[in-house]
Amino acid sequence: MQHSPKIASTALRVAALVVAAGGAVPLFAHHSPAAFDQTREIRLEGTVTRFAYNNPHTYLTIDVVSADGRVISQEIEAGPISTMQPLGMTRDSLRVGDRVTVRAVPRRAGSGTVLGLDATKGDGTVVPLFLAASVRPTGTALATSMAGTWRPLHAGFSALNRAVPQMPLTERGRAELAASRRANATTHSDCIPAGAPQLMLVPVASHVTVNERTVVFDIDWLDAQRIVYLEATHPADLEPSLHGHSIGHWEDDVLVVDTIGFAPHAEGIGFGMPSSASKHLVERFALEADRQHLRYEVTVEDPVYLTEPYRQSALWVFDPDLAPSGVPCDLDVARRYLREAEAE
């Protein structure tokens, strides 16, 4: 079934960036980059006292001995399981009692939860805590069609993040993007995924099921699912929904998808860029000659926010051994930062 939760008006938010060691990297977070000192990277040595394995955030707590000998309990925020699991994080990656050295970005406030990049255990094992801190090795399995489990490569996700401020925006588009960049959270704080194209570029397990009449995309990000109806037409009485109504056809071995009927969404394009009910997507999915990659091409039209179409191409890698996280979005965890920000 295609999901279509209501888009809350309070969900007009911005996807955050964190700059560490001189580079900007996109973060699945619910807060502004102003929350962290983007110019500093710190190292924390301590003993694990808690490891909470959650979506859309994981939390790690370690006891650190300060210079004056006091034991300080330090909480560290890590990425969602959906993005960390493909990089090697599991429920057993960190256990209470493990000695670790954590690379992190500190809060500007000087205390409180910091953003973790990675954790090195006593035996030298490095546990990724952040989307761009590690890269999952590419396997050798070959696909025979676009059916199966794929993982969008991080490069496409980053490219969209960089492109959003440079898109051909209308006056309203510029104003709403600027407003969202001043806010504290993304729609993820309501367990609502960003729309496509961002949704189709998240580097998580994306399973494709090809049937005679449909192609189904199950994306391991906030329980997202898209259904493409083959050799069909858009109904005249189409009810707007989160992911719209998708119809598709085959051009030889290339799947071409046309989607309309979107509900207005605070991050319908992604990374703080909204979309309107006029949003229109045309996507192409083509198996590459190496049979290890699927080329994803998208054209986005939205006259309310874009003066001309935006186009992007990206690659997915075939990853048949990658299983979905199976961890649903925890609304309390998702909204946690908002409560902390209000307290500050």
Protein backbone atom coordinates (compact mmCIF):
# COMPACT_ATOMS: atom_id res chain seq x y z
CA MET A 1 0.00 0.00 0.00
CA GLN A 2 1.28 3.48 -0.82
CA HIS A 3 1.78 5.60 2.25
CA SER A 4 0.26 9.07 2.37
CA PRO A 5 0.59 10.61 5.86
CA LYS A 6 -0.51 14.18 6.30
CA ILE A 7 2.28 16.72 5.91
CA ALA A 8 2.25 18.83 9.06
CA SER A 9 2.66 22.57 8.58
CA THR A 10 5.24 22.59 11.34
CA ALA A 11 7.42 20.29 9.28
CA LEU A 12 8.83 23.04 7.04
CA ARG A 13 12.41 22.54 8.05
CA VAL A 14 15.98 22.34 6.77
CA ALA A 15 18.27 19.38 6.36
CA ALA A 16 21.45 20.11 8.22
CA LEU A 17 25.05 20.22 7.14
CA VAL A 18 27.98 19.58 9.39
CA VAL A 19 31.43 20.76 8.42
CA ALA A 20 34.21 18.70 9.94
CA ALA A 21 37.87 18.75 9.07
CA GLY A 22 37.24 21.36 6.40
CA GLY A 23 34.56 19.55 4.37
CA ALA A 24 30.80 19.90 4.12
CA VAL A 25 28.84 16.69 4.36
CA PRO A 26 25.06 16.17 4.41
CA LEU A 27 23.51 14.89 7.60
CA PHE A 28 20.24 13.14 8.30
CA ALA A 29 19.39 15.35 11.22
CA HIS A 30 16.63 17.47 12.64
CA HIS A 31 18.63 20.54 13.46
CA SER A 32 20.42 23.54 12.10
CA PRO A 33 24.21 23.46 11.57
CA ALA A 34 24.32 26.42 13.94
CA ALA A 35 23.87 23.94 16.78
CA PHE A 36 27.41 22.65 16.26
CA ASP A 37 30.84 24.26 15.95
CA GLN A 38 31.44 23.38 12.32
CA THR A 39 35.13 24.30 12.43
CA ARG A 40 36.16 21.90 15.20
CA GLU A 41 36.59 18.17 15.57
CA ILE A 42 37.08 16.68 19.02
CA ARG A 43 38.12 13.26 20.30
CA LEU A 44 36.54 11.64 23.31
CA GLU A 45 37.95 8.58 25.08
CA GLY A 46 35.74 6.63 27.40
CA THR A 47 33.71 3.57 28.28
CA VAL A 48 30.37 2.78 26.68
CA THR A 49 27.49 2.89 29.15
CA ARG A 50 24.58 2.93 26.67
CA PHE A 51 23.99 2.20 22.99
CA ALA A 52 20.44 2.93 21.73
CA TYR A 53 19.86 1.42 18.28
CA ASN A 54 17.07 3.55 16.78
CA ASN A 55 15.63 5.25 13.69
CA PRO A 56 15.90 8.10 12.84
CA HIS A 57 18.82 8.52 15.28
CA THR A 58 21.13 6.29 17.26
CA TYR A 59 22.49 7.47 20.61
CA LEU A 60 25.69 6.41 22.33
CA THR A 61 26.70 7.37 25.87
CA ILE A 62 30.23 7.06 27.21
CA ASP A 63 31.82 7.87 30.56
CA VAL A 64 34.76 10.21 30.05
CA VAL A 65 37.32 11.07 32.74
CA SER A 66 37.95 14.83 32.74
CA ALA A 67 41.31 16.50 33.35
CA ASP A 68 40.43 17.03 37.01
CA GLY A 69 39.52 13.37 37.48
CA ARG A 70 35.74 13.72 37.37
CA VAL A 71 33.69 11.14 35.43
CA ILE A 72 31.44 12.85 32.90
CA SER A 73 28.61 11.08 31.09
CA GLN A 74 28.79 12.23 27.47
CA GLU A 75 25.98 11.57 25.00
CA ILE A 76 26.82 11.22 21.32
CA GLU A 77 24.30 11.39 18.50
CA ALA A 78 24.84 9.07 15.54
CA GLY A 79 23.01 8.53 12.28
CA PRO A 80 19.87 6.48 11.69
CA ILE A 81 20.12 2.72 11.51
CA SER A 82 18.84 2.80 7.94
CA THR A 83 22.01 4.59 6.81
CA MET A 84 24.45 3.21 9.38
CA GLN A 85 23.67 -0.48 8.85
CA PRO A 86 24.87 -0.44 5.21
CA LEU A 87 28.15 0.99 6.49
CA GLY A 88 28.62 -1.82 9.00
CA MET A 89 26.89 -0.77 12.20
CA THR A 90 24.89 -3.53 13.91
CA ARG A 91 23.15 -3.93 17.26
CA ASP A 92 26.31 -5.63 18.51
CA SER A 93 28.83 -3.11 17.16
CA LEU A 94 29.10 -1.41 20.55
CA ARG A 95 28.46 -2.96 23.94
CA VAL A 96 28.35 -1.61 27.46
CA GLY A 97 31.89 -1.76 28.83
CA ASP A 98 33.67 -1.25 25.49
CA ARG A 99 36.54 1.25 25.55
CA VAL A 100 36.23 3.64 22.58
CA THR A 101 37.75 6.74 21.07
CA VAL A 102 35.08 8.84 19.38
CA ARG A 103 35.61 11.52 16.76
CA ALA A 104 32.86 14.12 17.08
CA VAL A 105 31.72 17.66 16.34
CA PRO A 106 30.97 19.68 19.51
CA ARG A 107 27.92 21.80 20.25
CA ARG A 108 28.36 25.56 20.12
CA ALA A 109 26.62 25.75 23.49
CA GLY A 110 29.73 24.15 24.97
CA SER A 111 27.99 21.19 26.55
CA GLY A 112 25.36 18.64 25.77
CA THR A 113 24.98 16.04 23.05
CA VAL A 114 27.71 16.07 20.39
CA LEU A 115 27.59 14.73 16.84
CA GLY A 116 29.59 11.53 16.41
CA LEU A 117 31.60 10.77 13.28
CA ASP A 118 33.04 7.37 14.18
CA ALA A 119 34.11 5.29 17.19
CA THR A 120 37.33 3.27 17.35
CA LYS A 121 37.25 0.30 19.71
CA GLY A 122 40.18 -1.07 21.68
CA ASP A 123 40.89 -3.75 19.07
CA GLY A 124 41.12 -1.14 16.30
CA THR A 125 37.65 -1.76 14.86
CA VAL A 126 36.11 1.47 13.55
CA VAL A 127 32.34 1.80 13.94
CA PRO A 128 30.76 4.43 11.67
CA LEU A 129 28.48 6.90 13.41
CA PHE A 130 27.86 9.23 10.53
CA LEU A 131 26.66 8.84 6.94
CA ALA A 132 29.78 10.15 5.23
CA ALA A 133 32.29 8.71 7.71
CA SER A 134 32.66 5.40 5.89
CA VAL A 135 31.90 3.72 2.57
CA ARG A 136 30.31 0.32 2.15
CA PRO A 137 32.46 -1.88 -0.12
CA THR A 138 30.99 -2.64 -3.54
CA GLY A 139 30.26 -6.33 -4.01
CA THR A 140 30.77 -8.50 -7.06
CA ALA A 141 27.20 -9.77 -7.53
CA LEU A 142 25.66 -9.15 -10.95
CA ALA A 143 22.05 -8.18 -11.56
CA THR A 144 20.02 -9.73 -14.36
CA SER A 145 17.35 -7.01 -14.21
CA MET A 146 16.44 -4.05 -12.03
CA ALA A 147 14.68 -6.40 -9.61
CA GLY A 148 16.48 -6.95 -6.31
CA THR A 149 18.11 -4.86 -3.59
CA TRP A 150 20.03 -1.75 -4.53
CA ARG A 151 21.75 1.03 -2.62
CA PRO A 152 21.96 4.57 -4.04
CA LEU A 153 25.56 5.77 -3.97
CA HIS A 154 26.33 8.61 -1.59
CA ALA A 155 27.60 10.83 -4.43
CA GLY A 156 24.10 11.35 -5.82
CA PHE A 157 22.71 12.24 -2.40
CA SER A 158 25.50 14.79 -1.85
CA ALA A 159 25.04 16.23 -5.34
CA LEU A 160 21.38 17.04 -4.69
CA ASN A 161 22.27 18.64 -1.37
CA ARG A 162 24.78 20.91 -3.11
CA ALA A 163 22.39 21.64 -5.98
CA VAL A 164 19.35 22.78 -3.98
CA PRO A 165 20.56 26.37 -3.30
CA GLN A 166 21.62 26.68 -6.96
CA MET A 167 18.34 25.48 -8.46
CA PRO A 168 16.39 27.86 -10.74
CA LEU A 169 14.02 29.04 -8.03
CA THR A 170 11.01 31.30 -8.24
CA GLU A 171 10.77 34.21 -5.84
CA ARG A 172 8.55 32.08 -3.61
CA GLY A 173 11.00 29.21 -3.87
CA ARG A 174 13.89 31.39 -2.72
CA ALA A 175 11.87 32.78 0.17
CA GLU A 176 10.66 29.41 1.43
CA LEU A 177 14.07 27.79 1.10
CA ALA A 178 15.64 30.66 3.05
CA ALA A 179 12.98 30.29 5.73
CA SER A 180 13.55 26.55 6.00
CA ARG A 181 17.30 27.06 6.32
CA ARG A 182 16.67 29.20 9.37
CA ALA A 183 14.54 26.54 11.03
CA ASN A 184 15.54 23.70 13.34
CA ALA A 185 14.30 20.49 11.75
CA THR A 186 13.34 18.43 8.74
CA THR A 187 10.06 16.62 8.08
CA HIS A 188 11.89 13.59 9.49
CA SER A 189 11.09 15.02 12.91
CA ASP A 190 7.53 13.91 12.17
CA CYS A 191 8.74 10.57 10.74
CA ILE A 192 7.78 11.84 7.26
CA PRO A 193 10.38 11.22 4.54
CA ALA A 194 11.49 13.90 2.13
CA GLY A 195 10.01 13.48 -1.32
CA ALA A 196 11.66 12.35 -4.52
CA PRO A 197 14.26 13.03 -5.77
CA GLN A 198 15.89 13.09 -2.31
CA LEU A 199 14.00 9.95 -1.28
CA MET A 200 15.41 8.06 -4.28
CA LEU A 201 18.98 9.10 -3.45
CA VAL A 202 19.16 8.12 0.22
CA PRO A 203 21.98 5.52 0.53
CA VAL A 204 19.84 2.83 2.17
CA ALA A 205 18.51 -0.58 1.15
CA SER A 206 16.06 -0.03 -1.70
CA HIS A 207 14.33 -3.21 -2.78
CA VAL A 208 12.73 -3.35 -6.22
CA THR A 209 10.00 -5.88 -6.99
CA VAL A 210 9.05 -6.21 -10.66
CA ASN A 211 5.62 -7.70 -11.37
CA GLU A 212 3.55 -7.95 -14.52
CA ARG A 213 1.47 -4.88 -13.66
CA THR A 214 3.56 -3.01 -11.09
CA VAL A 215 7.07 -2.15 -10.03
CA VAL A 216 7.33 -1.61 -6.27
CA PHE A 217 10.11 0.32 -4.53
CA ASP A 218 10.47 -0.44 -0.81
CA ILE A 219 12.91 2.11 0.55
CA ASP A 220 14.38 1.62 4.02
CA TRP A 221 13.84 5.21 5.03
CA LEU A 222 10.87 6.01 7.26
CA ASP A 223 8.86 3.10 5.79
CA ALA A 224 8.70 4.67 2.34
CA GLN A 225 7.11 2.73 -0.50
CA ARG A 226 6.39 3.75 -4.08
CA ILE A 227 4.22 1.76 -6.49
CA VAL A 228 4.53 2.22 -10.24
CA TYR A 229 1.53 1.02 -12.24
CA LEU A 230 2.62 -0.33 -15.61
CA GLU A 231 0.80 0.43 -18.86
CA ALA A 232 -1.76 2.49 -16.96
CA THR A 233 -3.06 6.06 -16.95
CA HIS A 234 -3.45 8.57 -14.16
CA PRO A 235 -7.03 8.55 -12.84
CA ALA A 236 -9.09 11.69 -13.38
CA ASP A 237 -10.15 11.85 -9.72
CA LEU A 238 -6.62 11.46 -8.36
CA GLU A 239 -6.31 12.09 -4.63
CA PRO A 240 -3.02 13.86 -3.76
CA SER A 241 -0.62 11.82 -1.65
CA LEU A 242 2.88 11.92 -0.20
CA HIS A 243 4.51 10.00 -3.07
CA GLY A 244 1.99 10.86 -5.78
CA HIS A 245 0.60 8.51 -8.41
CA SER A 246 3.17 6.79 -10.63
CA ILE A 247 2.63 5.14 -14.00
CA GLY A 248 5.36 3.50 -16.03
CA HIS A 249 6.29 1.73 -19.22
CA TRP A 250 9.29 -0.12 -20.57
CA GLU A 251 11.46 1.27 -23.34
CA ASP A 252 13.39 -1.90 -24.09
CA ASP A 253 14.95 -2.59 -20.66
CA VAL A 254 14.57 0.96 -19.34
CA LEU A 255 11.74 1.74 -16.94
CA VAL A 256 10.25 5.20 -17.55
CA VAL A 257 8.07 6.54 -14.72
CA ASP A 258 5.70 9.51 -14.77
CA THR A 259 4.40 10.78 -11.40
CA ILE A 260 1.82 13.44 -10.56
CA GLY A 261 -0.77 13.89 -7.81
CA PHE A 262 1.58 14.97 -5.04
CA ALA A 263 0.35 16.56 -1.86
CA PRO A 264 2.22 19.80 -1.02
CA HIS A 265 5.28 18.83 1.00
CA ALA A 266 7.67 20.95 3.08
CA GLU A 267 10.60 18.94 1.66
CA GLY A 268 9.03 17.54 -1.48
CA ILE A 269 12.21 18.08 -3.50
CA GLY A 270 14.53 17.64 -0.56
CA PHE A 271 17.08 19.30 1.72
CA GLY A 272 14.69 22.03 2.80
CA MET A 273 13.23 22.61 -0.68
CA PRO A 274 9.42 22.29 -0.71
CA SER A 275 7.14 21.15 -3.49
CA SER A 276 3.57 21.99 -4.47
CA ALA A 277 0.61 20.06 -5.82
CA SER A 278 1.96 20.92 -9.29
CA LYS A 279 5.10 18.83 -8.83
CA HIS A 280 5.74 16.46 -11.75
CA LEU A 281 8.45 13.81 -11.93
CA VAL A 282 9.80 11.89 -14.89
CA GLU A 283 12.27 9.16 -13.90
CA ARG A 284 14.27 6.60 -15.85
CA PHE A 285 15.84 3.44 -14.40
CA ALA A 286 18.40 1.68 -16.60
CA LEU A 287 20.64 -1.29 -15.81
CA GLU A 288 24.24 -0.37 -16.67
CA ALA A 289 26.38 -2.59 -18.90
CA ASP A 290 28.46 -3.74 -15.90
CA ARG A 291 25.24 -5.17 -14.34
CA GLN A 292 26.38 -3.85 -10.98
CA HIS A 293 24.82 -0.40 -11.27
CA LEU A 294 21.41 1.03 -12.01
CA ARG A 295 21.35 4.51 -13.51
CA TYR A 296 18.67 6.76 -12.03
CA GLU A 297 17.73 9.87 -14.00
CA VAL A 298 15.12 12.34 -12.80
CA THR A 299 13.50 15.50 -14.11
CA VAL A 300 11.54 17.59 -11.60
CA GLU A 301 9.03 20.24 -12.62
CA ASP A 302 7.23 22.48 -10.14
CA PRO A 303 6.21 25.91 -11.48
CA VAL A 304 5.42 27.15 -7.98
CA TYR A 305 9.03 26.77 -6.85
CA LEU A 306 11.16 26.22 -10.00
CA THR A 307 11.41 28.50 -13.02
CA GLU A 308 12.59 25.57 -15.13
CA PRO A 309 12.97 21.81 -14.66
CA TYR A 310 15.76 20.39 -12.50
CA ARG A 311 17.57 17.31 -13.81
CA GLN A 312 19.94 14.91 -12.11
CA SER A 313 21.54 11.55 -12.80
CA ALA A 314 22.86 9.18 -10.13
CA LEU A 315 23.90 5.57 -9.68
CA TRP A 316 22.56 2.80 -7.49
CA VAL A 317 24.79 -0.21 -6.75
CA PHE A 318 23.48 -3.78 -6.69
CA ASP A 319 23.68 -5.00 -3.08
CA PRO A 320 21.67 -8.23 -2.77
CA ASP A 321 23.07 -9.06 0.68
CA LEU A 322 21.93 -5.77 2.19
CA ALA A 323 18.88 -6.28 4.38
CA PRO A 324 16.56 -3.47 5.49
CA SER A 325 17.04 -2.28 9.05
CA GLY A 326 13.62 -3.45 10.21
CA VAL A 327 13.66 -0.62 12.76
CA PRO A 328 10.65 1.72 12.44
CA CYS A 329 10.88 5.45 12.98
CA ASP A 330 10.51 6.32 16.66
CA LEU A 331 8.55 9.58 16.83
CA ASP A 332 9.80 10.37 20.33
CA VAL A 333 13.42 9.97 19.20
CA ALA A 334 12.72 11.95 16.03
CA ARG A 335 11.39 14.93 17.99
CA ARG A 336 13.94 14.79 20.75
CA TYR A 337 16.21 17.49 19.39
CA LEU A 338 13.32 19.91 18.99
CA ARG A 339 12.56 19.57 22.69
CA GLU A 340 16.23 20.14 23.55
CA ALA A 341 16.43 23.18 21.27
CA GLU A 342 13.36 24.71 22.92
CA ALA A 343 14.92 24.10 26.34
CA GLU A 344 18.02 26.02 25.31
